[in-house]
Amino acid sequence: MSLPLQLTDMVALTVRKHAESIEGAEMKSFDAGAFDLVRPLIYTADEKFDDVMEWLTGEEKKKRPGT
C-alpha cells in the first residue's frame, strides 16, 4: 500500500523541483533526469472534458434541486 503513495510523493517532489528550477533555483542532474521520466505523465492539452463536466453539473443539480 505504501508504494503508490511513495511514487506519488516522488512525482510531486520532482515536479516541484522542476518548477523551482524555472524560477531560478539550481536543479541537480538527478532531479533533471527524474523529471524527464515524469514529463510524459503530465497532461498539458487544452481540451475540455465535456462529458465529465456534464456529469458534475448533473450531480450538483441532484444535490440542489431547482438551481
Protein backbone atom coordinates (compact mmCIF):
# COMPACT_ATOMS: atom_id res chain seq x y z
CA MET A 1 0.00 0.00 0.00
CA SER A 2 2.82 2.42 0.67
CA LEU A 3 4.47 2.01 -2.76
CA PRO A 4 1.80 4.00 -4.66
CA LEU A 5 1.99 6.72 -2.02
CA GLN A 6 5.79 6.82 -2.24
CA LEU A 7 5.66 7.03 -6.04
CA THR A 8 3.10 9.85 -5.89
CA ASP A 9 5.27 11.70 -3.38
CA MET A 10 8.32 11.29 -5.58
CA VAL A 11 6.49 12.57 -8.66
CA ALA A 12 5.22 15.60 -6.71
CA LEU A 13 8.72 16.34 -5.43
CA THR A 14 10.19 16.03 -8.93
CA VAL A 15 7.60 18.38 -10.42
CA ARG A 16 8.14 20.87 -7.57
CA LYS A 17 11.91 20.82 -8.12
CA HIS A 18 11.33 21.46 -11.82
CA ALA A 19 9.01 24.39 -11.06
CA GLU A 20 11.62 25.80 -8.68
CA SER A 21 14.28 25.49 -11.38
CA ILE A 22 12.11 27.57 -13.71
CA GLU A 23 12.11 30.26 -11.02
CA GLY A 24 15.91 30.18 -10.87
CA ALA A 25 16.78 27.52 -8.30
CA GLU A 26 19.58 25.14 -9.20
CA MET A 27 18.39 21.70 -10.32
CA LYS A 28 20.63 18.72 -9.71
CA SER A 29 21.24 16.37 -12.64
CA PHE A 30 19.46 13.58 -10.74
CA ASP A 31 16.31 15.71 -10.45
CA ALA A 32 16.51 16.70 -14.11
CA GLY A 33 16.76 13.03 -15.10
CA ALA A 34 13.81 12.19 -12.88
CA PHE A 35 11.75 14.95 -14.47
CA ASP A 36 12.47 13.50 -17.92
CA LEU A 37 10.81 10.30 -16.69
CA VAL A 38 7.84 12.15 -15.18
CA ARG A 39 7.22 14.52 -18.11
CA PRO A 40 5.09 12.04 -20.14
CA LEU A 41 2.69 11.76 -17.19
CA ILE A 42 1.89 15.49 -17.20
CA TYR A 43 -1.32 16.34 -19.04
CA THR A 44 -0.88 19.57 -20.99
CA ALA A 45 -3.65 19.66 -23.61
CA ASP A 46 -6.31 22.36 -23.59
CA GLU A 47 -9.19 20.05 -24.46
CA LYS A 48 -12.23 20.11 -22.24
CA PHE A 49 -13.80 17.06 -20.71
CA ASP A 50 -17.38 17.86 -21.69
CA ASP A 51 -18.74 14.51 -20.53
CA VAL A 52 -17.13 14.93 -17.12
CA MET A 53 -18.44 18.48 -16.79
CA GLU A 54 -21.95 17.33 -17.74
CA TRP A 55 -21.79 14.60 -15.10
CA LEU A 56 -20.53 17.02 -12.42
CA THR A 57 -23.23 19.54 -13.29
CA GLY A 58 -25.87 16.80 -13.08
CA GLU A 59 -24.59 15.67 -9.69
CA GLU A 60 -24.69 19.22 -8.36
CA LYS A 61 -28.26 19.67 -9.62
CA LYS A 62 -29.26 16.46 -7.83
CA LYS A 63 -27.87 17.89 -4.59
CA ARG A 64 -29.64 21.26 -5.08
CA PRO A 65 -32.89 20.81 -6.99
CA GLY A 66 -34.24 23.98 -8.53
CA THR A 67 -30.90 25.62 -9.23
